[in-house]
Amino acid sequence: MPIKNRFADTHAEITGWRRHLHQHPELQFDVHETAKFVEEKLRGFGITDITTGIGRTGVVAVVEGRSNTSGRTIGLRADMDALPIEEATGLPHASTVPGKMHACGHDGHTAMLLGAAQYLAETRNFDGRCVLIFQPAEEGGGGGNEMVKDGLMDRWAIDEVYGMHNMPNYPVGAFAIRPGALLASADQFDIVVTGKGGHAAAPHEAIDPNLAAAHVLVALQSVASRNVDPLKQVVVSVCALRSDSEVHNVIPQTVLMRGTVRTLDAGVRDLAEERVRALVEHTAAAYGCTAKIDYERGYPVMVNHTDHTGYAAEAAEAIMPGVDRDTPPIMAGEDFAYMLNARPGAYIMIGNGDGATVHHPEYDFNDEAIPAGCSWFAEVVETRLPLA
C-alpha cells in the first residue's frame, strides 16, 4: 500500500488514540471528554487556531499551509459520537462505559483525522488553509446540521468539504465512492391506531386496532412496490408494533407503530411521505379505526458532487490503486449531507475488512485501515491545494 511514510511511523501512536476513544464512548452532543481529548492532541501538534463549542460540542481547527496564494480552504470532517449499545467484543480495549460503545467506527474516523492533522501541521505542504472539523451527534442528533447552522462554512470560508466512513466486509484500506446520491434520506414515523377495546371473546363489540394496524403494515409495503418508479429506491420499514394490552383475552384500545422511510431522491422522498400518510389514514378508517401519524423528516439524501467525487477518488487512487468509483448506494443515513448541501465536496468509504457490521455489539474499527485513511485526508489537501 503506497501510504505516506509518516503514517507508517505513527501507526502505533494513532492506534493508541483510537483505542483510548473506543474505551471512553460518549453519545450525541455529550462528547465533552472526546472533544477535550481532540483539542489536547491538536494543541500538542502545534495547532493554535482551535475553536470549541461549534454545533454545541464540535471542535474546529485551522492549519495554515506554507503559503496561501490560492486563498482557498479545504474542510475535512470526522464524527466523534458513539452508540447506546452494550459492547460484546471482549477486546482489551472494549468500552468501559456500560451501555455505550463505538459501534460505527467514529473512534477510527476521529483518530485518522487527528493523524492527518499531526502530519499536516508538521509538513504544511500545501497552499491555502485546511479546516479540521470534529463533529458531535452524527448518530441521530444532526450535529452536522448544527455545525452548519453555527456558521461553520461561512465563518471559516470553507470552499470544499470532504468526509470518510469505514465499510465493513470490504478489503482493508480499499476505497469506494460514487457521484450523486451515496447515502439515503432518513425519515421516521410514529403511528397511533385507535379502536375500541373489548373482550377477546366478543370482538364484534370492539373495534380491533390490531387488525387495522396489521393491514396498515402490509399496505405500507405498496409504497415501494406500487407507487415508486421501480428504478428508484425507497425503503419503508415498520420496526416496532406494540398495543396497550399484553394479555391473552383483551382487545386493546390503541396500537403504536414506529418505523423509518429512506430514499435516494428528493422527489421520491416527498411522494413516500404523501403515500404513507394517506395509506395510514384510509387503511385504519377502512377497519373502523382512527390513526394519528407523527412524521418527522431526518437527514436529507447525501449527494456527492460530481467533480469533487473525482478529486476524492484520485486522492484515494494515489493511496490504494483500484478505487471503486461506482459503489452501490447505501440506504443508511448520514448527516454529512448537511455539509454537502452547504458546500461542494464528497464522502468516501474505506474498507474495514471482515467482521461484524456497524451498529452491531461485536463491531470494532480495524486499526489496519488507519494509515490509508490518514493518507487520504492528507492527500486530498495536498492535491486540492498544491504548492506552486
Protein backbone atom coordinates (compact mmCIF):
# COMPACT_ATOMS: atom_id res chain seq x y z
CA MET A 1 0.00 0.00 0.00
CA PRO A 2 1.67 3.30 -1.08
CA ILE A 3 0.73 5.16 2.10
CA LYS A 4 2.61 8.20 3.23
CA ASN A 5 5.67 7.05 5.18
CA ARG A 6 4.82 9.32 8.11
CA PHE A 7 1.70 7.28 8.85
CA ALA A 8 3.62 4.03 8.87
CA ASP A 9 5.82 5.62 11.54
CA THR A 10 2.89 6.94 13.61
CA HIS A 11 0.53 3.99 13.11
CA ALA A 12 1.01 2.61 16.61
CA GLU A 13 0.54 6.05 18.18
CA ILE A 14 -2.68 6.72 16.26
CA THR A 15 -3.93 3.23 17.12
CA GLY A 16 -3.42 4.12 20.77
CA TRP A 17 -5.56 7.22 20.37
CA ARG A 18 -8.26 5.20 18.63
CA ARG A 19 -8.38 2.58 21.35
CA HIS A 20 -8.49 5.23 24.06
CA LEU A 21 -11.51 6.78 22.37
CA HIS A 22 -13.06 3.33 22.00
CA GLN A 23 -12.75 2.73 25.73
CA HIS A 24 -14.44 6.04 26.55
CA PRO A 25 -17.50 6.38 24.29
CA GLU A 26 -19.89 9.33 24.56
CA LEU A 27 -23.28 9.87 22.94
CA GLN A 28 -24.63 12.51 20.58
CA PHE A 29 -23.79 16.04 21.83
CA ASP A 30 -22.45 14.80 25.17
CA VAL A 31 -18.94 14.33 23.81
CA HIS A 32 -17.17 16.68 26.20
CA GLU A 33 -14.28 14.38 27.10
CA THR A 34 -13.82 13.30 23.48
CA ALA A 35 -13.73 16.93 22.35
CA LYS A 36 -11.25 17.72 25.14
CA PHE A 37 -9.05 14.82 24.01
CA VAL A 38 -9.18 16.09 20.42
CA GLU A 39 -8.32 19.64 21.46
CA GLU A 40 -5.37 18.49 23.58
CA LYS A 41 -3.95 16.44 20.74
CA LEU A 42 -4.32 19.32 18.27
CA ARG A 43 -2.53 21.70 20.61
CA GLY A 44 0.19 19.10 21.08
CA PHE A 45 0.69 19.17 17.30
CA GLY A 46 1.34 22.90 17.49
CA ILE A 47 -2.07 23.90 16.15
CA THR A 48 -3.25 27.01 17.98
CA ASP A 49 -6.25 28.18 15.92
CA ILE A 50 -8.83 25.97 17.65
CA THR A 51 -12.47 26.77 18.35
CA THR A 52 -14.69 24.61 20.56
CA GLY A 53 -18.44 24.59 21.05
CA ILE A 54 -19.38 24.78 17.36
CA GLY A 55 -22.61 22.87 16.90
CA ARG A 56 -22.75 22.73 20.70
CA THR A 57 -19.74 20.45 21.28
CA GLY A 58 -17.87 20.34 17.98
CA VAL A 59 -14.21 21.27 17.52
CA VAL A 60 -12.86 23.25 14.56
CA ALA A 61 -9.14 23.79 13.98
CA VAL A 62 -7.18 25.55 11.23
CA VAL A 63 -3.85 24.52 9.74
CA GLU A 64 -2.21 27.12 7.52
CA GLY A 65 -0.19 25.91 4.54
CA ARG A 66 3.32 27.11 3.71
CA SER A 67 1.68 29.76 1.57
CA ASN A 68 -1.80 30.99 0.81
CA THR A 69 -1.66 32.44 -2.66
CA SER A 70 -4.64 30.29 -3.61
CA GLY A 71 -6.86 31.88 -0.96
CA ARG A 72 -8.72 28.59 -0.77
CA THR A 73 -9.82 26.44 2.17
CA ILE A 74 -10.47 22.70 2.33
CA GLY A 75 -12.57 21.21 5.13
CA LEU A 76 -12.03 17.68 6.47
CA ARG A 77 -14.67 16.18 8.76
CA ALA A 78 -14.77 13.31 11.26
CA ASP A 79 -17.61 12.34 13.61
CA MET A 80 -16.96 11.75 17.32
CA ASP A 81 -20.05 10.18 18.92
CA ALA A 82 -20.80 6.57 19.87
CA LEU A 83 -23.98 4.50 20.16
CA PRO A 84 -26.18 3.30 23.06
CA ILE A 85 -25.16 -0.35 22.60
CA GLU A 86 -23.68 -2.80 25.10
CA GLU A 87 -20.35 -3.94 23.67
CA ALA A 88 -19.80 -7.68 23.20
CA THR A 89 -16.33 -7.80 21.62
CA GLY A 90 -14.44 -8.91 24.72
CA LEU A 91 -11.41 -6.97 23.46
CA PRO A 92 -8.80 -5.49 25.82
CA HIS A 93 -9.77 -2.01 24.61
CA ALA A 94 -13.53 -2.61 24.90
CA SER A 95 -15.81 0.13 26.18
CA THR A 96 -15.52 0.88 29.88
CA VAL A 97 -18.92 2.60 29.89
CA PRO A 98 -21.92 0.29 30.34
CA GLY A 99 -24.49 0.60 27.57
CA LYS A 100 -22.28 2.70 25.30
CA MET A 101 -19.83 1.72 22.58
CA HIS A 102 -18.19 2.92 19.39
CA ALA A 103 -20.19 0.55 17.18
CA CYS A 104 -19.89 2.63 13.99
CA GLY A 105 -16.18 3.42 13.86
CA HIS A 106 -16.35 7.09 14.73
CA ASP A 107 -13.42 6.48 17.07
CA GLY A 108 -11.45 5.42 13.98
CA HIS A 109 -12.62 8.40 11.94
CA THR A 110 -11.58 10.81 14.69
CA ALA A 111 -8.22 9.12 15.18
CA MET A 112 -7.47 9.15 11.44
CA LEU A 113 -8.28 12.85 11.16
CA LEU A 114 -6.07 13.52 14.18
CA GLY A 115 -3.29 11.57 12.48
CA ALA A 116 -3.72 13.64 9.34
CA ALA A 117 -3.77 16.83 11.43
CA GLN A 118 -0.44 15.89 13.01
CA TYR A 119 1.10 15.31 9.58
CA LEU A 120 -0.37 18.47 8.03
CA ALA A 121 0.81 20.60 10.95
CA GLU A 122 4.33 19.17 10.61
CA THR A 123 4.67 19.42 6.83
CA ARG A 124 2.28 22.22 5.78
CA ASN A 125 2.92 21.01 2.23
CA PHE A 126 0.01 22.91 0.68
CA ASP A 127 -1.03 26.36 -0.49
CA GLY A 128 -4.08 27.57 1.42
CA ARG A 129 -5.87 26.56 4.60
CA CYS A 130 -7.13 23.26 5.95
CA VAL A 131 -10.03 23.28 8.40
CA LEU A 132 -10.32 20.22 10.62
CA ILE A 133 -13.92 19.51 11.65
CA PHE A 134 -14.64 17.19 14.57
CA GLN A 135 -18.40 16.78 14.74
CA PRO A 136 -20.71 15.58 17.51
CA ALA A 137 -24.06 13.81 17.22
CA GLU A 138 -23.97 12.09 13.86
CA GLU A 139 -25.98 9.21 15.32
CA GLY A 140 -29.41 10.77 15.18
CA GLY A 141 -28.66 14.19 16.63
CA GLY A 142 -27.92 16.06 13.42
CA GLY A 143 -24.66 17.51 14.69
CA GLY A 144 -23.57 18.25 11.12
CA ASN A 145 -26.60 20.46 10.65
CA GLU A 146 -25.96 22.18 13.98
CA MET A 147 -22.38 22.99 12.96
CA VAL A 148 -23.54 24.39 9.62
CA LYS A 149 -26.21 26.49 11.36
CA ASP A 150 -23.50 27.72 13.73
CA GLY A 151 -21.68 29.27 10.76
CA LEU A 152 -19.12 26.54 10.04
CA MET A 153 -18.86 27.13 6.30
CA ASP A 154 -19.03 30.91 6.25
CA ARG A 155 -17.03 31.64 9.38
CA TRP A 156 -14.09 29.57 8.16
CA ALA A 157 -14.67 30.37 4.47
CA ILE A 158 -14.64 26.69 3.50
CA ASP A 159 -14.62 26.15 -0.27
CA GLU A 160 -14.83 22.33 -0.35
CA VAL A 161 -15.52 19.72 2.31
CA TYR A 162 -14.65 16.01 2.47
CA GLY A 163 -15.50 13.14 4.80
CA MET A 164 -14.91 9.42 5.16
CA HIS A 165 -16.63 6.38 6.68
CA ASN A 166 -15.44 2.85 7.19
CA MET A 167 -17.09 -0.01 5.28
CA PRO A 168 -17.17 -3.44 6.95
CA ASN A 169 -16.66 -6.56 4.81
CA TYR A 170 -14.71 -4.58 2.22
CA PRO A 171 -10.91 -5.03 1.81
CA VAL A 172 -8.95 -3.17 4.48
CA GLY A 173 -7.80 0.22 3.27
CA ALA A 174 -9.54 -0.05 -0.11
CA PHE A 175 -11.73 2.86 -1.19
CA ALA A 176 -15.20 3.08 -2.72
CA ILE A 177 -17.21 6.09 -3.83
CA ARG A 178 -19.85 7.20 -6.33
CA PRO A 179 -21.04 10.56 -7.65
CA GLY A 180 -24.57 11.63 -6.77
CA ALA A 181 -26.65 10.00 -4.07
CA LEU A 182 -24.48 7.75 -1.91
CA LEU A 183 -26.49 7.61 1.34
CA ALA A 184 -30.22 7.90 1.85
CA SER A 185 -32.53 10.37 3.47
CA ALA A 186 -33.70 9.03 6.83
CA ASP A 187 -37.20 9.97 7.98
CA GLN A 188 -39.17 8.37 10.79
CA PHE A 189 -42.77 8.00 11.85
CA ASP A 190 -44.86 7.22 14.90
CA ILE A 191 -48.39 5.99 14.21
CA VAL A 192 -51.10 5.51 16.83
CA VAL A 193 -54.05 3.45 15.63
CA THR A 194 -57.07 3.83 17.91
CA GLY A 195 -60.07 1.49 18.00
CA LYS A 196 -62.36 0.36 20.78
CA GLY A 197 -61.08 -2.06 23.37
CA GLY A 198 -63.04 -5.06 24.50
CA HIS A 199 -63.13 -8.70 25.46
CA ALA A 200 -61.40 -11.14 23.15
CA ALA A 201 -64.44 -13.38 23.27
CA ALA A 202 -66.68 -10.63 21.86
CA PRO A 203 -64.71 -8.99 19.04
CA HIS A 204 -67.95 -7.77 17.43
CA GLU A 205 -68.44 -5.44 20.37
CA ALA A 206 -64.96 -3.96 19.94
CA ILE A 207 -63.09 -2.26 17.10
CA ASP A 208 -59.81 -4.09 16.87
CA PRO A 209 -56.81 -1.77 16.30
CA ASN A 210 -54.53 -4.81 15.96
CA LEU A 211 -56.34 -5.84 12.80
CA ALA A 212 -56.20 -2.31 11.42
CA ALA A 213 -52.51 -1.95 12.30
CA ALA A 214 -51.70 -5.26 10.61
CA HIS A 215 -53.34 -4.07 7.40
CA VAL A 216 -51.58 -0.70 7.69
CA LEU A 217 -48.24 -2.50 7.95
CA VAL A 218 -48.95 -4.55 4.83
CA ALA A 219 -50.33 -1.54 2.93
CA LEU A 220 -47.18 0.47 3.60
CA GLN A 221 -45.17 -2.04 1.57
CA SER A 222 -47.14 -0.92 -1.51
CA VAL A 223 -45.24 2.39 -1.45
CA ALA A 224 -42.17 0.61 -2.83
CA SER A 225 -43.99 -1.96 -4.94
CA ARG A 226 -46.75 0.18 -6.48
CA ASN A 227 -46.08 3.91 -6.01
CA VAL A 228 -42.39 4.50 -6.70
CA ASP A 229 -40.63 4.03 -10.03
CA PRO A 230 -39.04 0.55 -9.88
CA LEU A 231 -35.74 2.07 -10.98
CA LYS A 232 -35.65 4.28 -7.88
CA GLN A 233 -35.04 3.17 -4.32
CA VAL A 234 -37.29 3.50 -1.29
CA VAL A 235 -37.46 1.54 1.94
CA VAL A 236 -40.47 1.72 4.27
CA SER A 237 -39.85 -0.32 7.42
CA VAL A 238 -42.18 -0.73 10.39
CA CYS A 239 -39.73 -1.55 13.16
CA ALA A 240 -41.95 -1.52 16.26
CA LEU A 241 -45.54 -2.66 16.78
CA ARG A 242 -46.99 -2.54 20.27
CA SER A 243 -50.51 -2.44 21.72
CA ASP A 244 -51.61 -1.10 25.08
CA SER A 245 -52.52 -4.63 26.19
CA GLU A 246 -50.24 -7.59 26.80
CA VAL A 247 -52.75 -10.20 27.93
CA HIS A 248 -54.40 -13.02 26.02
CA ASN A 249 -58.04 -12.03 26.37
CA VAL A 250 -58.14 -8.25 25.83
CA ILE A 251 -58.59 -6.45 22.54
CA PRO A 252 -56.57 -3.25 23.01
CA GLN A 253 -57.69 0.33 22.59
CA THR A 254 -54.58 1.53 20.77
CA VAL A 255 -51.60 0.22 18.80
CA LEU A 256 -48.32 2.10 18.37
CA MET A 257 -46.28 1.62 15.21
CA ARG A 258 -42.82 3.07 14.62
CA GLY A 259 -40.67 2.96 11.56
CA THR A 260 -38.49 4.65 9.00
CA VAL A 261 -38.66 5.78 5.38
CA ARG A 262 -35.47 6.02 3.33
CA THR A 263 -34.96 7.26 -0.21
CA LEU A 264 -32.20 8.40 -2.56
CA ASP A 265 -34.18 11.11 -4.36
CA ALA A 266 -35.87 14.26 -3.04
CA GLY A 267 -38.94 13.76 -5.24
CA VAL A 268 -39.33 10.16 -4.11
CA ARG A 269 -38.98 11.37 -0.54
CA ASP A 270 -41.94 13.71 -0.98
CA LEU A 271 -44.01 11.01 -2.70
CA ALA A 272 -43.23 8.45 0.01
CA GLU A 273 -44.37 10.78 2.79
CA GLU A 274 -47.58 11.59 0.91
CA ARG A 275 -48.41 7.93 0.34
CA VAL A 276 -47.52 6.84 3.88
CA ARG A 277 -49.85 9.45 5.34
CA ALA A 278 -52.72 8.52 3.00
CA LEU A 279 -52.32 4.76 3.46
CA VAL A 280 -52.22 5.05 7.24
CA GLU A 281 -55.31 7.23 7.49
CA HIS A 282 -57.51 5.43 4.99
CA THR A 283 -56.49 1.87 5.82
CA ALA A 284 -57.23 2.45 9.50
CA ALA A 285 -60.55 4.02 8.59
CA ALA A 286 -61.49 1.02 6.48
CA TYR A 287 -61.40 -1.07 9.67
CA GLY A 288 -63.31 1.43 11.75
CA CYS A 289 -60.28 2.92 13.48
CA THR A 290 -58.62 6.30 13.51
CA ALA A 291 -54.90 6.85 13.03
CA LYS A 292 -52.65 9.69 14.03
CA ILE A 293 -49.23 9.91 12.40
CA ASP A 294 -46.24 11.94 13.54
CA TYR A 295 -43.93 12.02 10.51
CA GLU A 296 -40.52 13.56 11.11
CA ARG A 297 -38.03 14.36 8.38
CA GLY A 298 -34.48 13.45 9.32
CA TYR A 299 -31.23 13.61 7.40
CA PRO A 300 -31.55 14.53 3.72
CA VAL A 301 -30.12 12.45 0.89
CA MET A 302 -26.32 12.67 0.96
CA VAL A 303 -25.26 13.67 -2.54
CA ASN A 304 -21.63 13.65 -3.67
CA HIS A 305 -20.76 16.46 -6.09
CA THR A 306 -19.57 15.03 -9.38
CA ASP A 307 -16.28 16.90 -9.83
CA HIS A 308 -15.32 16.53 -6.18
CA THR A 309 -16.08 12.82 -6.25
CA GLY A 310 -13.42 12.66 -8.94
CA TYR A 311 -10.96 14.61 -6.80
CA ALA A 312 -11.63 12.32 -3.83
CA ALA A 313 -11.23 9.22 -5.99
CA GLU A 314 -7.94 10.44 -7.47
CA ALA A 315 -6.57 11.08 -3.98
CA ALA A 316 -7.63 7.57 -2.99
CA GLU A 317 -6.09 6.10 -6.14
CA ALA A 318 -2.74 7.55 -5.08
CA ILE A 319 -3.04 5.65 -1.80
CA MET A 320 -4.62 2.38 -2.90
CA PRO A 321 -4.99 1.77 -6.65
CA GLY A 322 -8.22 0.24 -7.88
CA VAL A 323 -10.76 2.58 -6.35
CA ASP A 324 -14.37 1.51 -6.90
CA ARG A 325 -15.86 4.67 -8.44
CA ASP A 326 -19.39 3.27 -8.83
CA THR A 327 -20.09 1.62 -5.50
CA PRO A 328 -23.79 0.90 -4.87
CA PRO A 329 -25.73 3.45 -2.82
CA ILE A 330 -26.36 2.69 0.84
CA MET A 331 -29.80 3.13 2.41
CA ALA A 332 -28.36 4.24 5.75
CA GLY A 333 -28.49 7.95 6.61
CA GLU A 334 -25.54 10.29 7.14
CA ASP A 335 -25.65 13.88 8.36
CA PHE A 336 -22.59 14.85 6.34
CA ALA A 337 -25.41 15.51 3.86
CA TYR A 338 -25.94 18.90 5.51
CA MET A 339 -22.33 19.88 4.87
CA LEU A 340 -22.54 18.78 1.23
CA ASN A 341 -25.73 20.81 0.86
CA ALA A 342 -23.79 23.84 2.11
CA ARG A 343 -20.58 23.33 0.12
CA PRO A 344 -19.34 21.13 -2.73
CA GLY A 345 -17.38 18.07 -1.73
CA ALA A 346 -17.52 14.30 -1.42
CA TYR A 347 -17.76 11.42 1.02
CA ILE A 348 -15.74 8.24 0.55
CA MET A 349 -15.87 4.75 2.04
CA ILE A 350 -12.76 2.93 3.32
CA GLY A 351 -12.65 -0.83 3.78
CA ASN A 352 -12.74 -2.19 7.33
CA GLY A 353 -12.11 -5.84 6.43
CA ASP A 354 -14.09 -8.87 7.52
CA GLY A 355 -16.10 -8.79 10.71
CA ALA A 356 -19.28 -7.54 12.29
CA THR A 357 -21.14 -4.75 10.55
CA VAL A 358 -21.65 -1.30 12.02
CA HIS A 359 -24.21 -0.89 14.83
CA HIS A 360 -23.53 -4.46 15.97
CA PRO A 361 -22.32 -5.18 19.54
CA GLU A 362 -19.34 -7.15 18.19
CA TYR A 363 -18.19 -4.46 15.75
CA ASP A 364 -14.73 -2.93 16.08
CA PHE A 365 -12.90 -0.48 13.84
CA ASN A 366 -9.96 -2.14 12.08
CA ASP A 367 -6.77 -0.32 13.05
CA GLU A 368 -5.02 -1.66 9.94
CA ALA A 369 -7.07 0.88 7.92
CA ILE A 370 -5.54 3.83 9.79
CA PRO A 371 -2.53 4.55 7.54
CA ALA A 372 -4.67 4.55 4.39
CA GLY A 373 -7.33 6.76 5.97
CA CYS A 374 -4.83 9.28 7.30
CA SER A 375 -3.05 9.31 3.95
CA TRP A 376 -6.32 10.03 2.12
CA PHE A 377 -7.19 13.00 4.31
CA ALA A 378 -3.72 14.45 3.78
CA GLU A 379 -3.66 13.64 0.06
CA VAL A 380 -6.94 15.47 -0.50
CA VAL A 381 -5.47 18.65 1.00
CA GLU A 382 -2.16 18.40 -0.84
CA THR A 383 -3.74 17.66 -4.23
CA ARG A 384 -6.52 20.22 -3.97
CA LEU A 385 -4.15 22.91 -2.62
CA PRO A 386 -0.89 22.19 -4.44
CA LEU A 387 2.19 24.28 -3.80
CA ALA A 388 3.42 26.19 -6.84
